[in-house]
Amino acid sequence: MSNNAALLQTFWLSLLLFGHGAIAQEPPPATPTDLPPPATQADLPPPATPAEPLSEPLGQPAPEPPPLSVTVRGVSETRFNPTYGSVFFVISGGDLADAGRDARITADGRTLPSTRTSVSPRIVAGRYRLAPGPRQLTMTGWDAQGRPLETEARIWTGELPLLVVVTDFAGRPITQGRVTVSLDRQRRVAEDRQVRDGMARFANLPDERLLVEVDAADGTRESRVVPAGQGVVEFRLRP
């Protein structure tokens, strides 16, 4: 090998080993100015918020059931009722226990037989037959919550008719007016009728003393107490 070739080989070898000082030398250690700044409060993630409580805590007691009420239909405590018919006890605010099979209707203390009663979760019905006079129908049972039910209807029954005849002073039937018949000893039990061709008819009256009142269209008023068994009451209105 010539001297020139040996020099050229030595040059390339030194260039590979020491060229630019990047391969053989390690990088200098980092100085404090090269480190990233410490994290501030603004750089920290926001704290976790607690979970919202449930709108209704577990174990909260169940709401109170609605109040029970019973409506009596088919008969009236303020009118005259027939001695036989049907009565209906309608329940609201809950259902009867066991679909109403334990419900009972008594008439003057005697339980109506099952052949004369009909039950459902909210209606207890019965067919009654009573003597004329003041009577009592009672329904008893329980609802599905175990609450007791007892409702009674105090009614007046009867079978007597009454015809009220109303004429003017000359004996002509009046065409406009009203007649009211009520129990003389219990005035809240009453019925009224429109006068037609000078007459007004009533039925289902007990054998009691009755107050009969007539109100004519011209303002004339008359009244009289009569026994229900009289059958016919006549009024000749004064001029």
C-alpha atoms as a PDB file:
ATOM      1  CA  MET A   1       0.000   0.000   0.000  1.00  0.00           C
ATOM      2  CA  SER A   2       1.363   3.452  -0.888  1.00  0.00           C
ATOM      3  CA  ASN A   3       1.853   6.234   1.613  1.00  0.00           C
ATOM      4  CA  ASN A   4      -1.018   8.224   0.084  1.00  0.00           C
ATOM      5  CA  ALA A   5      -3.427   5.335   0.442  1.00  0.00           C
ATOM      6  CA  ALA A   6      -2.422   4.801   4.076  1.00  0.00           C
ATOM      7  CA  LEU A   7      -2.962   8.459   4.867  1.00  0.00           C
ATOM      8  CA  LEU A   8      -6.355   8.446   3.188  1.00  0.00           C
ATOM      9  CA  GLN A   9      -7.425   5.362   5.170  1.00  0.00           C
ATOM     10  CA  THR A  10      -6.267   6.957   8.420  1.00  0.00           C
ATOM     11  CA  PHE A  11      -8.270  10.141   7.607  1.00  0.00           C
ATOM     12  CA  TRP A  12     -11.583   8.328   6.980  1.00  0.00           C
ATOM     13  CA  LEU A  13     -11.132   6.217  10.152  1.00  0.00           C
ATOM     14  CA  SER A  14     -10.576   9.278  12.318  1.00  0.00           C
ATOM     15  CA  LEU A  15     -13.576  10.984  10.679  1.00  0.00           C
ATOM     16  CA  LEU A  16     -15.841   8.067  11.548  1.00  0.00           C
ATOM     17  CA  LEU A  17     -14.662   7.893  15.154  1.00  0.00           C
ATOM     18  CA  PHE A  18     -14.448  11.560  16.054  1.00  0.00           C
ATOM     19  CA  GLY A  19     -16.521  13.357  13.435  1.00  0.00           C
ATOM     20  CA  HIS A  20     -18.554  16.230  14.986  1.00  0.00           C
ATOM     21  CA  GLY A  21     -18.101  14.651  18.486  1.00  0.00           C
ATOM     22  CA  ALA A  22     -21.781  13.315  18.347  1.00  0.00           C
ATOM     23  CA  ILE A  23     -21.284   9.577  18.360  1.00  0.00           C
ATOM     24  CA  ALA A  24     -18.545   8.982  20.896  1.00  0.00           C
ATOM     25  CA  GLN A  25     -19.687  11.628  23.429  1.00  0.00           C
ATOM     26  CA  GLU A  26     -22.744  11.331  25.842  1.00  0.00           C
ATOM     27  CA  PRO A  27     -25.164  14.304  26.089  1.00  0.00           C
ATOM     28  CA  PRO A  28     -24.461  16.691  28.973  1.00  0.00           C
ATOM     29  CA  PRO A  29     -26.605  16.308  32.121  1.00  0.00           C
ATOM     30  CA  ALA A  30     -29.758  18.397  32.318  1.00  0.00           C
ATOM     31  CA  THR A  31     -29.563  21.623  34.251  1.00  0.00           C
ATOM     32  CA  PRO A  32     -32.384  23.088  36.477  1.00  0.00           C
ATOM     33  CA  THR A  33     -33.263  25.462  33.692  1.00  0.00           C
ATOM     34  CA  ASP A  34     -33.922  22.501  31.403  1.00  0.00           C
ATOM     35  CA  LEU A  35     -36.511  20.846  33.815  1.00  0.00           C
ATOM     36  CA  PRO A  36     -40.279  21.524  33.255  1.00  0.00           C
ATOM     37  CA  PRO A  37     -41.853  23.914  35.794  1.00  0.00           C
ATOM     38  CA  PRO A  38     -43.697  22.289  38.746  1.00  0.00           C
ATOM     39  CA  ALA A  39     -47.446  21.741  38.321  1.00  0.00           C
ATOM     40  CA  THR A  40     -49.702  24.524  39.681  1.00  0.00           C
ATOM     41  CA  GLN A  41     -53.238  24.275  41.207  1.00  0.00           C
ATOM     42  CA  ALA A  42     -54.689  25.336  37.887  1.00  0.00           C
ATOM     43  CA  ASP A  43     -52.986  22.382  36.166  1.00  0.00           C
ATOM     44  CA  LEU A  44     -54.539  19.821  38.587  1.00  0.00           C
ATOM     45  CA  PRO A  45     -57.764  18.052  37.529  1.00  0.00           C
ATOM     46  CA  PRO A  46     -60.926  19.243  39.347  1.00  0.00           C
ATOM     47  CA  PRO A  47     -61.908  17.182  42.413  1.00  0.00           C
ATOM     48  CA  ALA A  48     -64.610  14.571  41.875  1.00  0.00           C
ATOM     49  CA  THR A  49     -68.081  15.713  42.939  1.00  0.00           C
ATOM     50  CA  PRO A  50     -70.066  13.366  45.221  1.00  0.00           C
ATOM     51  CA  ALA A  51     -72.871  11.425  43.609  1.00  0.00           C
ATOM     52  CA  GLU A  52     -76.321  13.005  43.964  1.00  0.00           C
ATOM     53  CA  PRO A  53     -78.527  11.251  46.564  1.00  0.00           C
ATOM     54  CA  LEU A  54     -81.506   9.266  45.395  1.00  0.00           C
ATOM     55  CA  SER A  55     -84.711  11.259  45.128  1.00  0.00           C
ATOM     56  CA  GLU A  56     -86.459   8.738  47.396  1.00  0.00           C
ATOM     57  CA  PRO A  57     -84.219   7.042  49.980  1.00  0.00           C
ATOM     58  CA  LEU A  58     -84.438   3.314  50.139  1.00  0.00           C
ATOM     59  CA  GLY A  59     -86.694   2.013  52.860  1.00  0.00           C
ATOM     60  CA  GLN A  60     -89.074   5.008  52.782  1.00  0.00           C
ATOM     61  CA  PRO A  61     -92.533   3.952  54.054  1.00  0.00           C
ATOM     62  CA  ALA A  62     -95.247   3.430  51.437  1.00  0.00           C
ATOM     63  CA  PRO A  63     -97.820   6.232  51.079  1.00  0.00           C
ATOM     64  CA  GLU A  64    -101.059   5.934  53.000  1.00  0.00           C
ATOM     65  CA  PRO A  65    -103.926   4.379  51.020  1.00  0.00           C
ATOM     66  CA  PRO A  66    -106.773   6.740  50.079  1.00  0.00           C
ATOM     67  CA  PRO A  67    -109.671   6.967  52.540  1.00  0.00           C
ATOM     68  CA  LEU A  68    -112.549   4.561  52.090  1.00  0.00           C
ATOM     69  CA  SER A  69    -116.047   5.780  51.322  1.00  0.00           C
ATOM     70  CA  VAL A  70    -119.297   3.999  50.564  1.00  0.00           C
ATOM     71  CA  THR A  71    -122.225   5.386  48.562  1.00  0.00           C
ATOM     72  CA  VAL A  72    -125.669   3.852  48.960  1.00  0.00           C
ATOM     73  CA  ARG A  73    -127.814   3.656  45.829  1.00  0.00           C
ATOM     74  CA  GLY A  74    -131.213   2.190  45.041  1.00  0.00           C
ATOM     75  CA  VAL A  75    -132.782   3.518  48.262  1.00  0.00           C
ATOM     76  CA  SER A  76    -132.956   6.959  49.869  1.00  0.00           C
ATOM     77  CA  GLU A  77    -132.925   8.140  53.462  1.00  0.00           C
ATOM     78  CA  THR A  78    -134.898  11.276  52.527  1.00  0.00           C
ATOM     79  CA  ARG A  79    -137.622   9.763  50.320  1.00  0.00           C
ATOM     80  CA  PHE A  80    -140.321   7.086  50.561  1.00  0.00           C
ATOM     81  CA  ASN A  81    -139.072   3.626  49.553  1.00  0.00           C
ATOM     82  CA  PRO A  82    -140.998   0.524  48.493  1.00  0.00           C
ATOM     83  CA  THR A  83    -141.142  -2.418  50.889  1.00  0.00           C
ATOM     84  CA  TYR A  84    -139.114  -4.499  48.418  1.00  0.00           C
ATOM     85  CA  GLY A  85    -136.395  -3.603  45.942  1.00  0.00           C
ATOM     86  CA  SER A  86    -132.624  -3.560  45.399  1.00  0.00           C
ATOM     87  CA  VAL A  87    -129.889  -1.746  47.299  1.00  0.00           C
ATOM     88  CA  PHE A  88    -126.318  -1.121  46.127  1.00  0.00           C
ATOM     89  CA  PHE A  89    -123.297  -0.287  48.309  1.00  0.00           C
ATOM     90  CA  VAL A  90    -120.606   1.230  46.061  1.00  0.00           C
ATOM     91  CA  ILE A  91    -117.058   1.384  47.512  1.00  0.00           C
ATOM     92  CA  SER A  92    -114.426   3.955  46.481  1.00  0.00           C
ATOM     93  CA  GLY A  93    -110.840   4.326  47.714  1.00  0.00           C
ATOM     94  CA  GLY A  94    -110.069   0.597  47.656  1.00  0.00           C
ATOM     95  CA  ASP A  95    -111.223  -2.885  46.710  1.00  0.00           C
ATOM     96  CA  LEU A  96    -113.008  -5.379  48.911  1.00  0.00           C
ATOM     97  CA  ALA A  97    -110.905  -8.242  50.233  1.00  0.00           C
ATOM     98  CA  ASP A  98    -111.246 -11.570  48.439  1.00  0.00           C
ATOM     99  CA  ALA A  99    -113.342  -9.904  45.693  1.00  0.00           C
ATOM    100  CA  GLY A 100    -116.052  -9.110  48.231  1.00  0.00           C
ATOM    101  CA  ARG A 101    -116.947 -12.700  49.057  1.00  0.00           C
ATOM    102  CA  ASP A 102    -116.868 -11.923  52.802  1.00  0.00           C
ATOM    103  CA  ALA A 103    -119.141  -8.865  52.521  1.00  0.00           C
ATOM    104  CA  ARG A 104    -122.640  -9.090  54.053  1.00  0.00           C
ATOM    105  CA  ILE A 105    -125.882  -7.129  53.847  1.00  0.00           C
ATOM    106  CA  THR A 106    -128.307  -7.230  56.738  1.00  0.00           C
ATOM    107  CA  ALA A 107    -131.898  -5.990  56.705  1.00  0.00           C
ATOM    108  CA  ASP A 108    -133.146  -5.097  60.169  1.00  0.00           C
ATOM    109  CA  GLY A 109    -130.454  -7.335  61.651  1.00  0.00           C
ATOM    110  CA  ARG A 110    -131.087 -10.371  59.425  1.00  0.00           C
ATOM    111  CA  THR A 111    -128.409 -11.312  56.889  1.00  0.00           C
ATOM    112  CA  LEU A 112    -129.646 -11.539  53.318  1.00  0.00           C
ATOM    113  CA  PRO A 113    -129.063 -15.030  51.878  1.00  0.00           C
ATOM    114  CA  SER A 114    -126.463 -15.482  49.156  1.00  0.00           C
ATOM    115  CA  THR A 115    -129.254 -16.112  46.621  1.00  0.00           C
ATOM    116  CA  ARG A 116    -130.333 -12.491  47.099  1.00  0.00           C
ATOM    117  CA  THR A 117    -126.905 -10.840  47.094  1.00  0.00           C
ATOM    118  CA  SER A 118    -124.297 -10.104  44.449  1.00  0.00           C
ATOM    119  CA  VAL A 119    -120.710  -9.045  45.157  1.00  0.00           C
ATOM    120  CA  SER A 120    -117.737  -7.675  43.223  1.00  0.00           C
ATOM    121  CA  PRO A 121    -114.509  -5.934  44.299  1.00  0.00           C
ATOM    122  CA  ARG A 122    -116.299  -2.561  44.563  1.00  0.00           C
ATOM    123  CA  ILE A 123    -120.069  -3.212  44.668  1.00  0.00           C
ATOM    124  CA  VAL A 124    -122.200  -5.187  47.091  1.00  0.00           C
ATOM    125  CA  ALA A 125    -125.831  -5.486  45.979  1.00  0.00           C
ATOM    126  CA  GLY A 126    -128.842  -7.122  47.568  1.00  0.00           C
ATOM    127  CA  ARG A 127    -132.583  -7.591  47.062  1.00  0.00           C
ATOM    128  CA  TYR A 128    -134.514  -6.726  50.197  1.00  0.00           C
ATOM    129  CA  ARG A 129    -138.085  -7.231  51.407  1.00  0.00           C
ATOM    130  CA  LEU A 130    -139.132  -5.243  54.499  1.00  0.00           C
ATOM    131  CA  ALA A 131    -142.244  -4.407  56.463  1.00  0.00           C
ATOM    132  CA  PRO A 132    -143.560  -0.806  56.218  1.00  0.00           C
ATOM    133  CA  GLY A 133    -142.037   1.736  58.569  1.00  0.00           C
ATOM    134  CA  PRO A 134    -138.550   2.831  59.620  1.00  0.00           C
ATOM    135  CA  ARG A 135    -136.023   0.197  58.514  1.00  0.00           C
ATOM    136  CA  GLN A 136    -132.275  -0.294  58.361  1.00  0.00           C
ATOM    137  CA  LEU A 137    -129.997  -1.806  55.701  1.00  0.00           C
ATOM    138  CA  THR A 138    -126.342  -2.421  56.656  1.00  0.00           C
ATOM    139  CA  MET A 139    -123.295  -3.591  54.700  1.00  0.00           C
ATOM    140  CA  THR A 140    -120.169  -4.958  56.446  1.00  0.00           C
ATOM    141  CA  GLY A 141    -116.870  -6.208  55.053  1.00  0.00           C
ATOM    142  CA  TRP A 142    -113.112  -5.539  54.750  1.00  0.00           C
ATOM    143  CA  ASP A 143    -110.998  -3.977  52.062  1.00  0.00           C
ATOM    144  CA  ALA A 144    -107.803  -5.465  50.628  1.00  0.00           C
ATOM    145  CA  GLN A 145    -105.733  -3.491  53.191  1.00  0.00           C
ATOM    146  CA  GLY A 146    -107.614  -5.115  56.082  1.00  0.00           C
ATOM    147  CA  ARG A 147    -109.584  -1.991  56.952  1.00  0.00           C
ATOM    148  CA  PRO A 148    -113.134  -2.693  58.216  1.00  0.00           C
ATOM    149  CA  LEU A 149    -116.164  -1.409  56.354  1.00  0.00           C
ATOM    150  CA  GLU A 150    -119.607  -0.791  57.843  1.00  0.00           C
ATOM    151  CA  THR A 151    -122.230   1.425  56.261  1.00  0.00           C
ATOM    152  CA  GLU A 152    -125.925   1.669  57.062  1.00  0.00           C
ATOM    153  CA  ALA A 153    -128.941   3.254  55.436  1.00  0.00           C
ATOM    154  CA  ARG A 154    -131.886   4.214  57.648  1.00  0.00           C
ATOM    155  CA  ILE A 155    -134.900   4.358  55.367  1.00  0.00           C
ATOM    156  CA  TRP A 156    -138.685   4.613  55.490  1.00  0.00           C
ATOM    157  CA  THR A 157    -140.644   2.027  53.519  1.00  0.00           C
ATOM    158  CA  GLY A 158    -144.336   1.840  52.782  1.00  0.00           C
ATOM    159  CA  GLU A 159    -146.988   0.598  50.400  1.00  0.00           C
ATOM    160  CA  LEU A 160    -149.865   3.074  50.757  1.00  0.00           C
ATOM    161  CA  PRO A 161    -150.902   5.396  47.881  1.00  0.00           C
ATOM    162  CA  LEU A 162    -152.179   8.943  48.273  1.00  0.00           C
ATOM    163  CA  LEU A 163    -154.054  11.091  45.742  1.00  0.00           C
ATOM    164  CA  VAL A 164    -154.060  14.866  46.270  1.00  0.00           C
ATOM    165  CA  VAL A 165    -156.787  16.789  44.393  1.00  0.00           C
ATOM    166  CA  VAL A 166    -156.377  20.552  44.032  1.00  0.00           C
ATOM    167  CA  THR A 167    -159.046  22.926  42.661  1.00  0.00           C
ATOM    168  CA  ASP A 168    -159.613  26.656  42.700  1.00  0.00           C
ATOM    169  CA  PHE A 169    -162.420  28.342  44.643  1.00  0.00           C
ATOM    170  CA  ALA A 170    -164.870  27.649  41.814  1.00  0.00           C
ATOM    171  CA  GLY A 171    -164.039  23.916  41.828  1.00  0.00           C
ATOM    172  CA  ARG A 172    -161.949  23.970  38.649  1.00  0.00           C
ATOM    173  CA  PRO A 173    -158.743  21.845  38.617  1.00  0.00           C
ATOM    174  CA  ILE A 174    -155.618  23.961  38.781  1.00  0.00           C
ATOM    175  CA  THR A 175    -153.095  23.368  36.033  1.00  0.00           C
ATOM    176  CA  GLN A 176    -149.963  24.789  37.645  1.00  0.00           C
ATOM    177  CA  GLY A 177    -148.648  24.105  41.115  1.00  0.00           C
ATOM    178  CA  ARG A 178    -146.712  21.679  43.304  1.00  0.00           C
ATOM    179  CA  VAL A 179    -147.664  19.333  46.140  1.00  0.00           C
ATOM    180  CA  THR A 180    -145.200  18.210  48.826  1.00  0.00           C
ATOM    181  CA  VAL A 181    -145.846  15.272  51.161  1.00  0.00           C
ATOM    182  CA  SER A 182    -143.572  14.703  54.177  1.00  0.00           C
ATOM    183  CA  LEU A 183    -143.621  12.709  57.390  1.00  0.00           C
ATOM    184  CA  ASP A 184    -145.181  14.873  60.065  1.00  0.00           C
ATOM    185  CA  ARG A 185    -142.708  13.650  62.704  1.00  0.00           C
ATOM    186  CA  GLN A 186    -139.635  13.606  60.429  1.00  0.00           C
ATOM    187  CA  ARG A 187    -139.930  16.391  57.873  1.00  0.00           C
ATOM    188  CA  ARG A 188    -136.666  15.584  56.090  1.00  0.00           C
ATOM    189  CA  VAL A 189    -138.381  12.538  54.548  1.00  0.00           C
ATOM    190  CA  ALA A 190    -140.419  14.157  51.780  1.00  0.00           C
ATOM    191  CA  GLU A 191    -141.356  14.063  48.108  1.00  0.00           C
ATOM    192  CA  ASP A 192    -142.935  16.582  45.790  1.00  0.00           C
ATOM    193  CA  ARG A 193    -144.979  16.315  42.590  1.00  0.00           C
ATOM    194  CA  GLN A 194    -146.083  18.662  39.865  1.00  0.00           C
ATOM    195  CA  VAL A 195    -149.861  19.139  39.758  1.00  0.00           C
ATOM    196  CA  ARG A 196    -151.344  17.808  36.518  1.00  0.00           C
ATOM    197  CA  ASP A 197    -155.011  18.393  35.727  1.00  0.00           C
ATOM    198  CA  GLY A 198    -155.612  19.242  39.368  1.00  0.00           C
ATOM    199  CA  MET A 199    -154.064  16.019  40.764  1.00  0.00           C
ATOM    200  CA  ALA A 200    -150.791  14.723  42.241  1.00  0.00           C
ATOM    201  CA  ARG A 201    -150.147  11.061  43.085  1.00  0.00           C
ATOM    202  CA  PHE A 202    -147.823   9.564  45.722  1.00  0.00           C
ATOM    203  CA  ALA A 203    -146.856   5.959  46.534  1.00  0.00           C
ATOM    204  CA  ASN A 204    -144.817   3.863  48.987  1.00  0.00           C
ATOM    205  CA  LEU A 205    -146.142   5.800  51.987  1.00  0.00           C
ATOM    206  CA  PRO A 206    -145.909   4.323  55.499  1.00  0.00           C
ATOM    207  CA  ASP A 207    -148.952   4.232  57.743  1.00  0.00           C
ATOM    208  CA  GLU A 208    -148.008   7.521  59.404  1.00  0.00           C
ATOM    209  CA  ARG A 209    -149.369  11.033  59.731  1.00  0.00           C
ATOM    210  CA  LEU A 210    -148.369  13.127  56.735  1.00  0.00           C
ATOM    211  CA  LEU A 211    -147.990  16.825  56.151  1.00  0.00           C
ATOM    212  CA  VAL A 212    -149.468  17.767  52.750  1.00  0.00           C
ATOM    213  CA  GLU A 213    -148.577  21.202  51.339  1.00  0.00           C
ATOM    214  CA  VAL A 214    -149.917  22.829  48.168  1.00  0.00           C
ATOM    215  CA  ASP A 215    -148.209  25.724  46.343  1.00  0.00           C
ATOM    216  CA  ALA A 216    -150.223  27.172  43.456  1.00  0.00           C
ATOM    217  CA  ALA A 217    -148.673  29.167  40.639  1.00  0.00           C
ATOM    218  CA  ASP A 218    -150.478  32.351  41.759  1.00  0.00           C
ATOM    219  CA  GLY A 219    -148.755  32.175  45.166  1.00  0.00           C
ATOM    220  CA  THR A 220    -151.660  30.584  47.082  1.00  0.00           C
ATOM    221  CA  ARG A 221    -150.444  28.106  49.719  1.00  0.00           C
ATOM    222  CA  GLU A 222    -152.360  25.672  51.918  1.00  0.00           C
ATOM    223  CA  SER A 223    -151.340  22.719  54.101  1.00  0.00           C
ATOM    224  CA  ARG A 224    -152.941  19.960  56.121  1.00  0.00           C
ATOM    225  CA  VAL A 225    -151.884  17.001  58.286  1.00  0.00           C
ATOM    226  CA  VAL A 226    -153.665  13.770  57.357  1.00  0.00           C
ATOM    227  CA  PRO A 227    -153.207  10.025  57.971  1.00  0.00           C
ATOM    228  CA  ALA A 228    -151.628   8.191  55.037  1.00  0.00           C
ATOM    229  CA  GLY A 229    -154.454   5.643  55.123  1.00  0.00           C
ATOM    230  CA  GLN A 230    -156.951   8.327  54.109  1.00  0.00           C
ATOM    231  CA  GLY A 231    -156.078   7.669  50.484  1.00  0.00           C
ATOM    232  CA  VAL A 232    -157.458  10.956  49.040  1.00  0.00           C
ATOM    233  CA  VAL A 233    -156.927  14.568  50.158  1.00  0.00           C
ATOM    234  CA  GLU A 234    -158.844  17.452  48.535  1.00  0.00           C
ATOM    235  CA  PHE A 235    -157.836  21.123  48.550  1.00  0.00           C
ATOM    236  CA  ARG A 236    -160.094  23.971  47.377  1.00  0.00           C
ATOM    237  CA  LEU A 237    -157.870  26.992  47.284  1.00  0.00           C
ATOM    238  CA  ARG A 238    -159.160  30.327  48.550  1.00  0.00           C
ATOM    239  CA  PRO A 239    -159.200  33.270  46.137  1.00  0.00           C
END
